[in-house]
Structure formats: C-alpha cells, structure tokens
Full PDB file with SEQRES, HELIX, SHEET, SSBOND, CRYST1, ORIGX, SCALE, CONECT and MASTER records, all heavy atoms in Angstrom:
SEQRES   1 A   35  GLU LEU ARG PHE VAL LYS VAL THR GLN ALA VAL HIS SER          
SEQRES   2 A   35  LEU ILE VAL GLU GLU GLN ILE SER ALA LEU ARG ALA SER          
SEQRES   3 A   35  GLU SER ALA HIS ARG VAL PHE THR ARG                          
HELIX    1 AA1 PHE A    4  THR A   34  1                                  31    
CRYST1    1.000    1.000    1.000  90.00  90.00  90.00 P 1           1          
ORIGX1      1.000000  0.000000  0.000000        0.00000                         
ORIGX2      0.000000  1.000000  0.000000        0.00000                         
ORIGX3      0.000000  0.000000  1.000000        0.00000                         
SCALE1      1.000000  0.000000  0.000000        0.00000                         
SCALE2      0.000000  1.000000  0.000000        0.00000                         
SCALE3      0.000000  0.000000  1.000000        0.00000                         
ATOM      1  N   GLU A   1      -1.901  -8.500 -27.633  1.00  0.00           N  
ATOM      2  CA  GLU A   1      -1.998  -9.468 -26.633  1.00  0.00           C  
ATOM      3  C   GLU A   1      -1.055  -9.150 -25.442  1.00  0.00           C  
ATOM      4  O   GLU A   1       0.092  -8.717 -25.688  1.00  0.00           O  
ATOM      5  CB  GLU A   1      -1.603 -10.821 -27.217  1.00  0.00           C  
ATOM      6  CG  GLU A   1      -1.769 -12.029 -26.316  1.00  0.00           C  
ATOM      7  CD  GLU A   1      -1.446 -13.278 -26.997  1.00  0.00           C  
ATOM      8  OE1 GLU A   1      -2.294 -13.800 -27.664  1.00  0.00           O  
ATOM      9  OE2 GLU A   1      -0.370 -13.878 -26.773  1.00  0.00           O  
ATOM     10  N   LEU A   2      -1.440  -9.479 -24.280  1.00  0.00           N  
ATOM     11  CA  LEU A   2      -0.510  -9.275 -23.143  1.00  0.00           C  
ATOM     12  C   LEU A   2      -0.697 -10.323 -22.169  1.00  0.00           C  
ATOM     13  O   LEU A   2      -1.750 -11.069 -22.212  1.00  0.00           O  
ATOM     14  CB  LEU A   2      -0.667  -7.876 -22.562  1.00  0.00           C  
ATOM     15  CG  LEU A   2      -2.062  -7.400 -22.051  1.00  0.00           C  
ATOM     16  CD1 LEU A   2      -2.407  -8.084 -20.698  1.00  0.00           C  
ATOM     17  CD2 LEU A   2      -1.987  -5.940 -21.895  1.00  0.00           C  
ATOM     18  N   ARG A   3       0.158 -10.440 -21.204  1.00  0.00           N  
ATOM     19  CA  ARG A   3      -0.011 -11.433 -20.121  1.00  0.00           C  
ATOM     20  C   ARG A   3      -0.824 -10.788 -18.970  1.00  0.00           C  
ATOM     21  O   ARG A   3      -0.304  -9.906 -18.334  1.00  0.00           O  
ATOM     22  CB  ARG A   3       1.274 -11.890 -19.638  1.00  0.00           C  
ATOM     23  CG  ARG A   3       2.101 -12.714 -20.587  1.00  0.00           C  
ATOM     24  CD  ARG A   3       3.284 -13.173 -20.175  1.00  0.00           C  
ATOM     25  NE  ARG A   3       4.081 -13.823 -21.166  1.00  0.00           N  
ATOM     26  CZ  ARG A   3       5.315 -14.364 -20.987  1.00  0.00           C  
ATOM     27  NH1 ARG A   3       5.963 -14.226 -19.857  1.00  0.00           N  
ATOM     28  NH2 ARG A   3       5.899 -14.953 -21.997  1.00  0.00           N  
ATOM     29  N   PHE A   4      -2.034 -11.324 -18.692  1.00  0.00           N  
ATOM     30  CA  PHE A   4      -2.934 -10.832 -17.731  1.00  0.00           C  
ATOM     31  C   PHE A   4      -2.277 -11.011 -16.317  1.00  0.00           C  
ATOM     32  O   PHE A   4      -2.376 -10.087 -15.419  1.00  0.00           O  
ATOM     33  CB  PHE A   4      -4.225 -11.525 -17.725  1.00  0.00           C  
ATOM     34  CG  PHE A   4      -5.224 -11.100 -18.809  1.00  0.00           C  
ATOM     35  CD1 PHE A   4      -6.388 -11.880 -19.086  1.00  0.00           C  
ATOM     36  CD2 PHE A   4      -4.939  -9.998 -19.636  1.00  0.00           C  
ATOM     37  CE1 PHE A   4      -7.278 -11.392 -20.061  1.00  0.00           C  
ATOM     38  CE2 PHE A   4      -5.850  -9.791 -20.693  1.00  0.00           C  
ATOM     39  CZ  PHE A   4      -6.998 -10.420 -20.789  1.00  0.00           C  
ATOM     40  N   VAL A   5      -1.464 -11.928 -16.229  1.00  0.00           N  
ATOM     41  CA  VAL A   5      -0.785 -12.180 -14.909  1.00  0.00           C  
ATOM     42  C   VAL A   5       0.127 -11.018 -14.587  1.00  0.00           C  
ATOM     43  O   VAL A   5       0.298 -10.635 -13.440  1.00  0.00           O  
ATOM     44  CB  VAL A   5      -0.124 -13.512 -14.746  1.00  0.00           C  
ATOM     45  CG1 VAL A   5       1.177 -13.562 -15.706  1.00  0.00           C  
ATOM     46  CG2 VAL A   5       0.359 -13.862 -13.286  1.00  0.00           C  
ATOM     47  N   LYS A   6       0.638 -10.451 -15.615  1.00  0.00           N  
ATOM     48  CA  LYS A   6       1.639  -9.255 -15.393  1.00  0.00           C  
ATOM     49  C   LYS A   6       0.889  -8.077 -14.816  1.00  0.00           C  
ATOM     50  O   LYS A   6       1.228  -7.299 -14.002  1.00  0.00           O  
ATOM     51  CB  LYS A   6       2.348  -8.964 -16.599  1.00  0.00           C  
ATOM     52  CG  LYS A   6       3.296 -10.069 -17.113  1.00  0.00           C  
ATOM     53  CD  LYS A   6       4.687  -9.985 -16.465  1.00  0.00           C  
ATOM     54  CE  LYS A   6       5.617 -10.874 -17.079  1.00  0.00           C  
ATOM     55  NZ  LYS A   6       6.834 -11.018 -16.406  1.00  0.00           N  
ATOM     56  N   VAL A   7      -0.382  -7.848 -15.437  1.00  0.00           N  
ATOM     57  CA  VAL A   7      -1.223  -6.803 -14.975  1.00  0.00           C  
ATOM     58  C   VAL A   7      -1.699  -7.029 -13.605  1.00  0.00           C  
ATOM     59  O   VAL A   7      -1.630  -6.069 -12.798  1.00  0.00           O  
ATOM     60  CB  VAL A   7      -2.436  -6.705 -15.909  1.00  0.00           C  
ATOM     61  CG1 VAL A   7      -3.300  -5.684 -15.495  1.00  0.00           C  
ATOM     62  CG2 VAL A   7      -2.106  -6.403 -17.481  1.00  0.00           C  
ATOM     63  N   THR A   8      -2.084  -8.273 -13.244  1.00  0.00           N  
ATOM     64  CA  THR A   8      -2.583  -8.413 -11.899  1.00  0.00           C  
ATOM     65  C   THR A   8      -1.464  -8.173 -10.786  1.00  0.00           C  
ATOM     66  O   THR A   8      -1.639  -7.621  -9.866  1.00  0.00           O  
ATOM     67  CB  THR A   8      -3.286  -9.806 -11.775  1.00  0.00           C  
ATOM     68  OG1 THR A   8      -2.279 -10.760 -12.047  1.00  0.00           O  
ATOM     69  CG2 THR A   8      -4.502  -9.972 -12.559  1.00  0.00           C  
ATOM     70  N   GLN A   9      -0.349  -8.772 -11.248  1.00  0.00           N  
ATOM     71  CA  GLN A   9       0.867  -8.542 -10.330  1.00  0.00           C  
ATOM     72  C   GLN A   9       1.090  -7.074 -10.080  1.00  0.00           C  
ATOM     73  O   GLN A   9       1.323  -6.599  -8.944  1.00  0.00           O  
ATOM     74  CB  GLN A   9       2.026  -9.214 -10.734  1.00  0.00           C  
ATOM     75  CG  GLN A   9       2.019 -10.763 -10.656  1.00  0.00           C  
ATOM     76  CD  GLN A   9       3.233 -11.371 -11.430  1.00  0.00           C  
ATOM     77  OE1 GLN A   9       3.756 -10.824 -12.333  1.00  0.00           O  
ATOM     78  NE2 GLN A   9       3.529 -12.632 -11.039  1.00  0.00           N  
ATOM     79  N   ALA A  10       1.129  -6.344 -11.176  1.00  0.00           N  
ATOM     80  CA  ALA A  10       1.535  -4.903 -11.124  1.00  0.00           C  
ATOM     81  C   ALA A  10       0.494  -4.143 -10.234  1.00  0.00           C  
ATOM     82  O   ALA A  10       0.801  -3.328  -9.459  1.00  0.00           O  
ATOM     83  CB  ALA A  10       1.688  -4.251 -12.373  1.00  0.00           C  
ATOM     84  N   VAL A  11      -0.838  -4.401 -10.561  1.00  0.00           N  
ATOM     85  CA  VAL A  11      -1.922  -3.603  -9.923  1.00  0.00           C  
ATOM     86  C   VAL A  11      -1.887  -4.095  -8.463  1.00  0.00           C  
ATOM     87  O   VAL A  11      -2.051  -3.273  -7.539  1.00  0.00           O  
ATOM     88  CB  VAL A  11      -3.207  -3.852 -10.587  1.00  0.00           C  
ATOM     89  CG1 VAL A  11      -4.360  -3.114  -9.809  1.00  0.00           C  
ATOM     90  CG2 VAL A  11      -3.174  -3.246 -11.958  1.00  0.00           C  
ATOM     91  N   HIS A  12      -1.857  -5.317  -8.077  1.00  0.00           N  
ATOM     92  CA  HIS A  12      -1.986  -5.752  -6.746  1.00  0.00           C  
ATOM     93  C   HIS A  12      -0.764  -5.248  -5.940  1.00  0.00           C  
ATOM     94  O   HIS A  12      -0.921  -4.918  -4.737  1.00  0.00           O  
ATOM     95  CB  HIS A  12      -2.063  -7.316  -6.633  1.00  0.00           C  
ATOM     96  CG  HIS A  12      -3.416  -7.753  -7.339  1.00  0.00           C  
ATOM     97  ND1 HIS A  12      -3.620  -9.055  -7.611  1.00  0.00           N  
ATOM     98  CD2 HIS A  12      -4.500  -7.122  -7.621  1.00  0.00           C  
ATOM     99  CE1 HIS A  12      -4.725  -9.250  -8.018  1.00  0.00           C  
ATOM    100  NE2 HIS A  12      -5.401  -8.017  -8.118  1.00  0.00           N  
ATOM    101  N   SER A  13       0.417  -5.214  -6.554  1.00  0.00           N  
ATOM    102  CA  SER A  13       1.514  -4.675  -5.888  1.00  0.00           C  
ATOM    103  C   SER A  13       1.354  -3.166  -5.506  1.00  0.00           C  
ATOM    104  O   SER A  13       1.599  -2.681  -4.397  1.00  0.00           O  
ATOM    105  CB  SER A  13       2.896  -4.745  -6.713  1.00  0.00           C  
ATOM    106  OG  SER A  13       3.235  -6.071  -6.869  1.00  0.00           O  
ATOM    107  N   LEU A  14       0.739  -2.388  -6.489  1.00  0.00           N  
ATOM    108  CA  LEU A  14       0.508  -1.027  -6.277  1.00  0.00           C  
ATOM    109  C   LEU A  14      -0.520  -0.910  -5.135  1.00  0.00           C  
ATOM    110  O   LEU A  14      -0.392   0.029  -4.302  1.00  0.00           O  
ATOM    111  CB  LEU A  14      -0.072  -0.427  -7.559  1.00  0.00           C  
ATOM    112  CG  LEU A  14      -0.343   1.056  -7.647  1.00  0.00           C  
ATOM    113  CD1 LEU A  14       0.841   1.850  -7.433  1.00  0.00           C  
ATOM    114  CD2 LEU A  14      -0.926   1.434  -8.998  1.00  0.00           C  
ATOM    115  N   ILE A  15      -1.504  -1.626  -5.164  1.00  0.00           N  
ATOM    116  CA  ILE A  15      -2.536  -1.560  -4.085  1.00  0.00           C  
ATOM    117  C   ILE A  15      -2.022  -1.904  -2.786  1.00  0.00           C  
ATOM    118  O   ILE A  15      -2.221  -1.144  -1.676  1.00  0.00           O  
ATOM    119  CB  ILE A  15      -3.708  -2.617  -4.402  1.00  0.00           C  
ATOM    120  CG1 ILE A  15      -4.552  -2.128  -5.699  1.00  0.00           C  
ATOM    121  CG2 ILE A  15      -4.684  -2.671  -3.151  1.00  0.00           C  
ATOM    122  CD1 ILE A  15      -5.503  -3.126  -6.099  1.00  0.00           C  
ATOM    123  N   VAL A  16      -1.172  -2.884  -2.595  1.00  0.00           N  
ATOM    124  CA  VAL A  16      -0.577  -3.240  -1.340  1.00  0.00           C  
ATOM    125  C   VAL A  16       0.403  -2.172  -0.907  1.00  0.00           C  
ATOM    126  O   VAL A  16       0.381  -1.851   0.313  1.00  0.00           O  
ATOM    127  CB  VAL A  16       0.205  -4.685  -1.461  1.00  0.00           C  
ATOM    128  CG1 VAL A  16       0.986  -4.833  -0.165  1.00  0.00           C  
ATOM    129  CG2 VAL A  16      -0.899  -5.670  -1.574  1.00  0.00           C  
ATOM    130  N   GLU A  17       1.208  -1.592  -1.797  1.00  0.00           N  
ATOM    131  CA  GLU A  17       1.986  -0.543  -1.535  1.00  0.00           C  
ATOM    132  C   GLU A  17       1.352   0.673  -0.906  1.00  0.00           C  
ATOM    133  O   GLU A  17       1.697   1.375   0.055  1.00  0.00           O  
ATOM    134  CB  GLU A  17       2.933  -0.089  -2.652  1.00  0.00           C  
ATOM    135  CG  GLU A  17       4.003  -1.084  -3.083  1.00  0.00           C  
ATOM    136  CD  GLU A  17       4.672  -0.672  -4.340  1.00  0.00           C  
ATOM    137  OE1 GLU A  17       4.502   0.429  -4.874  1.00  0.00           O  
ATOM    138  OE2 GLU A  17       5.285  -1.681  -4.914  1.00  0.00           O  
ATOM    139  N   GLU A  18       0.197   1.058  -1.559  1.00  0.00           N  
ATOM    140  CA  GLU A  18      -0.587   2.184  -1.111  1.00  0.00           C  
ATOM    141  C   GLU A  18      -1.113   1.850   0.306  1.00  0.00           C  
ATOM    142  O   GLU A  18      -1.282   2.702   1.140  1.00  0.00           O  
ATOM    143  CB  GLU A  18      -1.772   2.395  -2.022  1.00  0.00           C  
ATOM    144  CG  GLU A  18      -1.322   3.052  -3.336  1.00  0.00           C  
ATOM    145  CD  GLU A  18      -0.694   4.399  -3.299  1.00  0.00           C  
ATOM    146  OE1 GLU A  18      -1.093   5.145  -2.324  1.00  0.00           O  
ATOM    147  OE2 GLU A  18       0.228   4.732  -4.150  1.00  0.00           O  
ATOM    148  N   GLN A  19      -1.678   0.677   0.575  1.00  0.00           N  
ATOM    149  CA  GLN A  19      -2.153   0.308   1.920  1.00  0.00           C  
ATOM    150  C   GLN A  19      -1.184   0.400   2.900  1.00  0.00           C  
ATOM    151  O   GLN A  19      -1.355   0.904   4.010  1.00  0.00           O  
ATOM    152  CB  GLN A  19      -2.829  -1.137   1.844  1.00  0.00           C  
ATOM    153  CG  GLN A  19      -4.078  -1.158   0.948  1.00  0.00           C  
ATOM    154  CD  GLN A  19      -4.711  -2.531   0.724  1.00  0.00           C  
ATOM    155  OE1 GLN A  19      -3.983  -3.555   0.959  1.00  0.00           O  
ATOM    156  NE2 GLN A  19      -5.851  -2.638   0.403  1.00  0.00           N  
ATOM    157  N   ILE A  20       0.031  -0.039   2.584  1.00  0.00           N  
ATOM    158  CA  ILE A  20       1.199   0.026   3.558  1.00  0.00           C  
ATOM    159  C   ILE A  20       1.599   1.391   3.862  1.00  0.00           C  
ATOM    160  O   ILE A  20       1.739   1.793   5.041  1.00  0.00           O  
ATOM    161  CB  ILE A  20       2.391  -0.809   3.064  1.00  0.00           C  
ATOM    162  CG1 ILE A  20       2.086  -2.283   3.098  1.00  0.00           C  
ATOM    163  CG2 ILE A  20       3.685  -0.479   3.855  1.00  0.00           C  
ATOM    164  CD1 ILE A  20       3.148  -3.159   2.451  1.00  0.00           C  
ATOM    165  N   SER A  21       1.585   2.247   2.902  1.00  0.00           N  
ATOM    166  CA  SER A  21       1.837   3.731   3.015  1.00  0.00           C  
ATOM    167  C   SER A  21       0.761   4.274   3.972  1.00  0.00           C  
ATOM    168  O   SER A  21       1.170   5.198   4.897  1.00  0.00           O  
ATOM    169  CB  SER A  21       1.817   4.323   1.651  1.00  0.00           C  
ATOM    170  OG  SER A  21       2.033   5.695   1.921  1.00  0.00           O  
ATOM    171  N   ALA A  22      -0.510   4.000   3.758  1.00  0.00           N  
ATOM    172  CA  ALA A  22      -1.535   4.500   4.547  1.00  0.00           C  
ATOM    173  C   ALA A  22      -1.484   4.032   6.003  1.00  0.00           C  
ATOM    174  O   ALA A  22      -1.724   4.707   6.873  1.00  0.00           O  
ATOM    175  CB  ALA A  22      -2.901   4.085   4.028  1.00  0.00           C  
ATOM    176  N   LEU A  23      -1.086   2.777   6.223  1.00  0.00           N  
ATOM    177  CA  LEU A  23      -0.939   2.274   7.501  1.00  0.00           C  
ATOM    178  C   LEU A  23       0.253   2.940   8.173  1.00  0.00           C  
ATOM    179  O   LEU A  23       0.204   3.246   9.413  1.00  0.00           O  
ATOM    180  CB  LEU A  23      -0.680   0.784   7.421  1.00  0.00           C  
ATOM    181  CG  LEU A  23      -1.880  -0.177   7.140  1.00  0.00           C  
ATOM    182  CD1 LEU A  23      -1.490  -1.528   6.995  1.00  0.00           C  
ATOM    183  CD2 LEU A  23      -2.967  -0.003   8.269  1.00  0.00           C  
ATOM    184  N   ARG A  24       1.314   3.251   7.567  1.00  0.00           N  
ATOM    185  CA  ARG A  24       2.488   3.925   8.114  1.00  0.00           C  
ATOM    186  C   ARG A  24       2.161   5.327   8.528  1.00  0.00           C  
ATOM    187  O   ARG A  24       2.517   5.765   9.591  1.00  0.00           O  
ATOM    188  CB  ARG A  24       3.700   3.869   7.190  1.00  0.00           C  
ATOM    189  CG  ARG A  24       4.351   2.652   7.018  1.00  0.00           C  
ATOM    190  CD  ARG A  24       5.576   2.737   6.131  1.00  0.00           C  
ATOM    191  NE  ARG A  24       6.221   1.429   6.000  1.00  0.00           N  
ATOM    192  CZ  ARG A  24       6.648   0.888   4.911  1.00  0.00           C  
ATOM    193  NH1 ARG A  24       6.458   1.580   3.768  1.00  0.00           N  
ATOM    194  NH2 ARG A  24       7.173  -0.268   4.859  1.00  0.00           N  
ATOM    195  N   ALA A  25       1.327   5.925   7.721  1.00  0.00           N  
ATOM    196  CA  ALA A  25       0.954   7.419   8.052  1.00  0.00           C  
ATOM    197  C   ALA A  25      -0.073   7.301   9.265  1.00  0.00           C  
ATOM    198  O   ALA A  25       0.067   8.104  10.238  1.00  0.00           O  
ATOM    199  CB  ALA A  25       0.208   7.951   6.877  1.00  0.00           C  
ATOM    200  N   SER A  26      -0.866   6.350   9.295  1.00  0.00           N  
ATOM    201  CA  SER A  26      -1.819   6.184  10.480  1.00  0.00           C  
ATOM    202  C   SER A  26      -1.112   5.887  11.807  1.00  0.00           C  
ATOM    203  O   SER A  26      -1.257   6.434  12.797  1.00  0.00           O  
ATOM    204  CB  SER A  26      -2.824   5.092  10.165  1.00  0.00           C  
ATOM    205  OG  SER A  26      -3.661   4.872  11.304  1.00  0.00           O  
ATOM    206  N   GLU A  27      -0.004   4.964  11.680  1.00  0.00           N  
ATOM    207  CA  GLU A  27       0.708   4.603  12.817  1.00  0.00           C  
ATOM    208  C   GLU A  27       1.564   5.752  13.304  1.00  0.00           C  
ATOM    209  O   GLU A  27       1.730   5.987  14.549  1.00  0.00           O  
ATOM    210  CB  GLU A  27       1.701   3.443  12.405  1.00  0.00           C  
ATOM    211  CG  GLU A  27       2.275   2.695  13.627  1.00  0.00           C  
ATOM    212  CD  GLU A  27       3.711   3.088  13.825  1.00  0.00           C  
ATOM    213  OE1 GLU A  27       4.367   3.438  12.820  1.00  0.00           O  
ATOM    214  OE2 GLU A  27       4.107   2.906  15.007  1.00  0.00           O  
ATOM    215  N   SER A  28       2.092   6.616  12.373  1.00  0.00           N  
ATOM    216  CA  SER A  28       2.914   7.804  12.661  1.00  0.00           C  
ATOM    217  C   SER A  28       1.975   8.898  13.422  1.00  0.00           C  
ATOM    218  O   SER A  28       2.388   9.400  14.482  1.00  0.00           O  
ATOM    219  CB  SER A  28       3.511   8.414  11.509  1.00  0.00           C  
ATOM    220  OG  SER A  28       4.135   9.632  11.746  1.00  0.00           O  
ATOM    221  N   ALA A  29       0.751   9.060  12.946  1.00  0.00           N  
ATOM    222  CA  ALA A  29      -0.214   9.962  13.725  1.00  0.00           C  
ATOM    223  C   ALA A  29      -0.544   9.377  15.024  1.00  0.00           C  
ATOM    224  O   ALA A  29      -0.571  10.155  16.011  1.00  0.00           O  
ATOM    225  CB  ALA A  29      -1.384  10.137  12.760  1.00  0.00           C  
ATOM    226  N   HIS A  30      -0.660   8.101  15.156  1.00  0.00           N  
ATOM    227  CA  HIS A  30      -1.016   7.533  16.494  1.00  0.00           C  
ATOM    228  C   HIS A  30       0.187   7.671  17.523  1.00  0.00           C  
ATOM    229  O   HIS A  30      -0.067   8.102  18.635  1.00  0.00           O  
ATOM    230  CB  HIS A  30      -1.286   6.000  16.268  1.00  0.00           C  
ATOM    231  CG  HIS A  30      -1.491   5.253  17.558  1.00  0.00           C  
ATOM    232  ND1 HIS A  30      -2.672   5.352  18.275  1.00  0.00           N  
ATOM    233  CD2 HIS A  30      -0.713   4.360  18.247  1.00  0.00           C  
ATOM    234  CE1 HIS A  30      -2.598   4.710  19.438  1.00  0.00           C  
ATOM    235  NE2 HIS A  30      -1.359   3.988  19.329  1.00  0.00           N  
ATOM    236  N   ARG A  31       1.461   7.596  17.030  1.00  0.00           N  
ATOM    237  CA  ARG A  31       2.516   7.650  17.917  1.00  0.00           C  
ATOM    238  C   ARG A  31       2.601   9.217  18.331  1.00  0.00           C  
ATOM    239  O   ARG A  31       2.780   9.469  19.564  1.00  0.00           O  
ATOM    240  CB  ARG A  31       3.899   7.379  17.139  1.00  0.00           C  
ATOM    241  CG  ARG A  31       4.209   5.915  17.165  1.00  0.00           C  
ATOM    242  CD  ARG A  31       5.669   5.683  16.822  1.00  0.00           C  
ATOM    243  NE  ARG A  31       6.175   6.480  15.741  1.00  0.00           N  
ATOM    244  CZ  ARG A  31       6.195   6.074  14.532  1.00  0.00           C  
ATOM    245  NH1 ARG A  31       5.732   4.958  14.100  1.00  0.00           N  
ATOM    246  NH2 ARG A  31       6.558   6.917  13.527  1.00  0.00           N  
ATOM    247  N   VAL A  32       2.395  10.109  17.484  1.00  0.00           N  
ATOM    248  CA  VAL A  32       2.491  11.499  17.851  1.00  0.00           C  
ATOM    249  C   VAL A  32       1.222  11.782  18.774  1.00  0.00           C  
ATOM    250  O   VAL A  32       1.567  12.552  19.913  1.00  0.00           O  
ATOM    251  CB  VAL A  32       2.396  12.383  16.603  1.00  0.00           C  
ATOM    252  CG1 VAL A  32       2.218  13.979  16.983  1.00  0.00           C  
ATOM    253  CG2 VAL A  32       3.622  12.220  15.762  1.00  0.00           C  
ATOM    254  N   PHE A  33       0.111  11.434  18.527  1.00  0.00           N  
ATOM    255  CA  PHE A  33      -1.021  11.679  19.423  1.00  0.00           C  
ATOM    256  C   PHE A  33      -0.726  10.971  20.860  1.00  0.00           C  
ATOM    257  O   PHE A  33      -0.950  11.699  21.838  1.00  0.00           O  
ATOM    258  CB  PHE A  33      -2.324  11.060  18.852  1.00  0.00           C  
ATOM    259  CG  PHE A  33      -3.512  11.086  19.615  1.00  0.00           C  
ATOM    260  CD1 PHE A  33      -4.157  12.339  19.811  1.00  0.00           C  
ATOM    261  CD2 PHE A  33      -3.970  10.081  20.358  1.00  0.00           C  
ATOM    262  CE1 PHE A  33      -5.267  12.512  20.612  1.00  0.00           C  
ATOM    263  CE2 PHE A  33      -5.117  10.284  21.170  1.00  0.00           C  
ATOM    264  CZ  PHE A  33      -5.714  11.420  21.327  1.00  0.00           C  
ATOM    265  N   THR A  34      -0.218   9.802  20.823  1.00  0.00           N  
ATOM    266  CA  THR A  34       0.012   9.137  22.165  1.00  0.00           C  
ATOM    267  C   THR A  34       1.162   9.954  22.898  1.00  0.00           C  
ATOM    268  O   THR A  34       0.935  10.130  24.145  1.00  0.00           O  
ATOM    269  CB  THR A  34       0.500   7.727  22.005  1.00  0.00           C  
ATOM    270  OG1 THR A  34      -0.548   7.051  21.257  1.00  0.00           O  
ATOM    271  CG2 THR A  34       0.828   7.065  23.212  1.00  0.00           C  
ATOM    272  N   ARG A  35       2.196  10.398  22.199  1.00  0.00           N  
ATOM    273  CA  ARG A  35       3.180  11.085  22.922  1.00  0.00           C  
ATOM    274  C   ARG A  35       2.706  12.467  23.449  1.00  0.00           C  
ATOM    275  O   ARG A  35       2.955  12.749  24.633  1.00  0.00           O  
ATOM    276  CB  ARG A  35       4.424  11.419  21.935  1.00  0.00           C  
ATOM    277  CG  ARG A  35       5.614  12.266  22.502  1.00  0.00           C  
ATOM    278  CD  ARG A  35       6.654  12.475  21.527  1.00  0.00           C  
ATOM    279  NE  ARG A  35       6.287  13.005  20.339  1.00  0.00           N  
ATOM    280  CZ  ARG A  35       5.989  14.364  20.134  1.00  0.00           C  
ATOM    281  NH1 ARG A  35       6.001  15.163  21.178  1.00  0.00           N  
ATOM    282  NH2 ARG A  35       5.595  14.767  18.975  1.00  0.00           N  
TER     283      ARG A  35                                                      
MASTER        0    0    0    1    0    0    0    6  282    1    0    3          
END                                                                             
C-alpha cells in the first residue's frame, strides 16, 4: 500500500520542472536569435 497523493505530487512536480526547463531553453534560444 502507498499514498496515491504522494505519487501524484512527485510526478506532477517532475512534469512541471521539465516544462519549466524546456521553457527556459526556448527563451534562451529566442534571446540569442533576437540578439
């Protein structure tokens, strides 16, 4: 038995972190391209 809420929190945090990382990479590429 495990707490499903712990799983959802861990996975959703991972998903959000990955999305933020992808957004940062995109924004960095945009800055370089614009410069």
